[in-house]
Amino acid sequence: MRSQLTAVYEKKGEWYIGYVEEISGVNTQGRTLREVKENLKDALKMVLSAKRARVK
C-alpha cells in the first residue's frame, strides 16, 4: 500500500527546513534544497522504521 504525504520546504535565512505535515517528528534542515530533500527522506525512513518496530 502506498500513501501520499505532504512535504513542506521553507527557506529560513541561509538554511532550508523541511517537514512532513502528516507525521510529527519528521523534520530536518539543510544548506541546500537538495540536501534538505535527501535529509527528509532519511528522517521519514527512520521514523517509520521506529514506529513499525514498536508495533511488533
N, C-alpha and C. Protein backbone atom coordinates (compact mmCIF):
# COMPACT_ATOMS: atom_id res chain seq x y z
N MET A 1 0.84 -1.17 0.00
CA MET A 1 0.00 0.00 0.00
C MET A 1 0.89 1.24 0.00
N ARG A 2 0.58 2.17 -0.85
CA ARG A 2 1.33 3.42 -0.94
C ARG A 2 0.44 4.57 -0.48
N SER A 3 1.05 5.49 0.22
CA SER A 3 0.35 6.69 0.67
C SER A 3 1.05 7.91 0.11
N GLN A 4 0.31 8.96 -0.01
CA GLN A 4 0.92 10.23 -0.39
C GLN A 4 1.01 11.09 0.85
N LEU A 5 2.18 11.67 1.06
CA LEU A 5 2.40 12.55 2.19
C LEU A 5 2.78 13.93 1.66
N THR A 6 2.60 14.93 2.50
CA THR A 6 2.89 16.29 2.10
C THR A 6 4.22 16.74 2.70
N ALA A 7 5.21 16.96 1.84
CA ALA A 7 6.50 17.50 2.27
C ALA A 7 6.47 19.01 2.07
N VAL A 8 6.87 19.73 3.11
CA VAL A 8 6.90 21.19 3.05
C VAL A 8 8.35 21.64 3.19
N TYR A 9 8.76 22.54 2.31
CA TYR A 9 10.12 23.08 2.33
C TYR A 9 10.02 24.59 2.44
N GLU A 10 10.83 25.16 3.34
CA GLU A 10 10.85 26.61 3.52
C GLU A 10 12.30 27.06 3.63
N LYS A 11 12.58 28.24 3.15
CA LYS A 11 13.91 28.82 3.29
C LYS A 11 13.86 29.78 4.48
N LYS A 12 14.76 29.54 5.43
CA LYS A 12 14.85 30.37 6.63
C LYS A 12 16.26 30.93 6.71
N GLY A 13 16.43 32.15 6.28
CA GLY A 13 17.78 32.71 6.24
C GLY A 13 18.63 31.98 5.22
N GLU A 14 19.74 31.44 5.67
CA GLU A 14 20.63 30.70 4.77
C GLU A 14 20.34 29.21 4.74
N TRP A 15 19.38 28.75 5.53
CA TRP A 15 19.07 27.33 5.65
C TRP A 15 17.70 27.03 5.06
N TYR A 16 17.51 25.79 4.68
CA TYR A 16 16.19 25.28 4.30
C TYR A 16 15.73 24.36 5.42
N ILE A 17 14.45 24.37 5.69
CA ILE A 17 13.86 23.40 6.60
C ILE A 17 12.84 22.59 5.81
N GLY A 18 12.61 21.38 6.26
CA GLY A 18 11.63 20.53 5.62
C GLY A 18 10.93 19.68 6.66
N TYR A 19 9.67 19.41 6.43
CA TYR A 19 8.92 18.53 7.33
C TYR A 19 7.78 17.88 6.58
N VAL A 20 7.29 16.78 7.14
CA VAL A 20 6.13 16.08 6.59
C VAL A 20 4.94 16.45 7.47
N GLU A 21 3.94 17.05 6.88
CA GLU A 21 2.79 17.54 7.64
C GLU A 21 2.05 16.44 8.40
N GLU A 22 1.93 15.27 7.81
CA GLU A 22 1.07 14.23 8.38
C GLU A 22 1.71 13.42 9.50
N ILE A 23 3.03 13.50 9.66
CA ILE A 23 3.71 12.67 10.66
C ILE A 23 4.61 13.56 11.52
N SER A 24 4.25 13.72 12.79
CA SER A 24 5.07 14.55 13.66
C SER A 24 6.43 13.88 13.87
N GLY A 25 7.44 14.68 14.01
CA GLY A 25 8.79 14.17 14.21
C GLY A 25 9.59 13.99 12.94
N VAL A 26 8.94 14.13 11.79
CA VAL A 26 9.67 14.01 10.51
C VAL A 26 9.99 15.42 10.04
N ASN A 27 11.17 15.88 10.44
CA ASN A 27 11.60 17.22 10.05
C ASN A 27 13.12 17.25 10.00
N THR A 28 13.65 18.22 9.27
CA THR A 28 15.09 18.30 9.10
C THR A 28 15.46 19.69 8.59
N GLN A 29 16.75 19.87 8.37
CA GLN A 29 17.25 21.11 7.79
C GLN A 29 18.44 20.81 6.90
N GLY A 30 18.80 21.76 6.07
CA GLY A 30 19.95 21.61 5.19
C GLY A 30 20.34 22.94 4.58
N ARG A 31 21.54 23.01 4.09
CA ARG A 31 22.03 24.26 3.48
C ARG A 31 21.48 24.47 2.07
N THR A 32 21.12 23.37 1.39
CA THR A 32 20.54 23.48 0.05
C THR A 32 19.21 22.74 0.02
N LEU A 33 18.40 23.06 -0.97
CA LEU A 33 17.12 22.37 -1.11
C LEU A 33 17.35 20.89 -1.38
N ARG A 34 18.34 20.59 -2.19
CA ARG A 34 18.66 19.18 -2.48
C ARG A 34 19.03 18.43 -1.20
N GLU A 35 19.86 19.06 -0.37
CA GLU A 35 20.28 18.42 0.88
C GLU A 35 19.09 18.19 1.81
N VAL A 36 18.22 19.17 1.95
CA VAL A 36 17.08 19.01 2.86
C VAL A 36 16.12 17.94 2.34
N LYS A 37 15.97 17.82 1.03
CA LYS A 37 15.10 16.76 0.49
C LYS A 37 15.66 15.38 0.81
N GLU A 38 16.97 15.20 0.65
CA GLU A 38 17.59 13.91 0.99
C GLU A 38 17.48 13.64 2.49
N ASN A 39 17.74 14.66 3.29
CA ASN A 39 17.64 14.51 4.75
C ASN A 39 16.22 14.14 5.17
N LEU A 40 15.23 14.73 4.50
CA LEU A 40 13.84 14.45 4.86
C LEU A 40 13.46 13.01 4.51
N LYS A 41 13.96 12.51 3.39
CA LYS A 41 13.72 11.10 3.05
C LYS A 41 14.29 10.19 4.13
N ASP A 42 15.51 10.48 4.58
CA ASP A 42 16.13 9.68 5.63
C ASP A 42 15.35 9.77 6.94
N ALA A 43 14.93 10.98 7.30
CA ALA A 43 14.16 11.17 8.53
C ALA A 43 12.85 10.39 8.48
N LEU A 44 12.18 10.41 7.34
CA LEU A 44 10.92 9.67 7.18
C LEU A 44 11.16 8.18 7.34
N LYS A 45 12.21 7.66 6.71
CA LYS A 45 12.52 6.23 6.84
C LYS A 45 12.79 5.86 8.29
N MET A 46 13.54 6.68 9.01
CA MET A 46 13.86 6.38 10.41
C MET A 46 12.62 6.39 11.29
N VAL A 47 11.77 7.39 11.12
CA VAL A 47 10.57 7.49 11.95
C VAL A 47 9.62 6.33 11.66
N LEU A 48 9.41 6.00 10.39
CA LEU A 48 8.53 4.88 10.06
C LEU A 48 9.08 3.56 10.57
N SER A 49 10.39 3.38 10.47
CA SER A 49 11.02 2.16 10.97
C SER A 49 10.84 2.04 12.49
N ALA A 50 11.01 3.12 13.20
CA ALA A 50 10.83 3.11 14.66
C ALA A 50 9.39 2.82 15.03
N LYS A 51 8.45 3.40 14.30
CA LYS A 51 7.03 3.15 14.58
C LYS A 51 6.67 1.69 14.30
N ARG A 52 7.20 1.12 13.22
CA ARG A 52 6.93 -0.29 12.91
C ARG A 52 7.52 -1.22 13.97
N ALA A 53 8.70 -0.88 14.47
CA ALA A 53 9.35 -1.72 15.48
C ALA A 53 8.53 -1.73 16.77
N ARG A 54 7.90 -0.64 17.11
CA ARG A 54 7.07 -0.59 18.32
C ARG A 54 5.81 -1.41 18.20
N VAL A 55 5.31 -1.58 16.99
CA VAL A 55 4.07 -2.32 16.75
C VAL A 55 4.30 -3.83 16.90
N LYS A 56 5.49 -4.29 16.56
CA LYS A 56 5.77 -5.73 16.59
C LYS A 56 5.78 -6.31 17.95
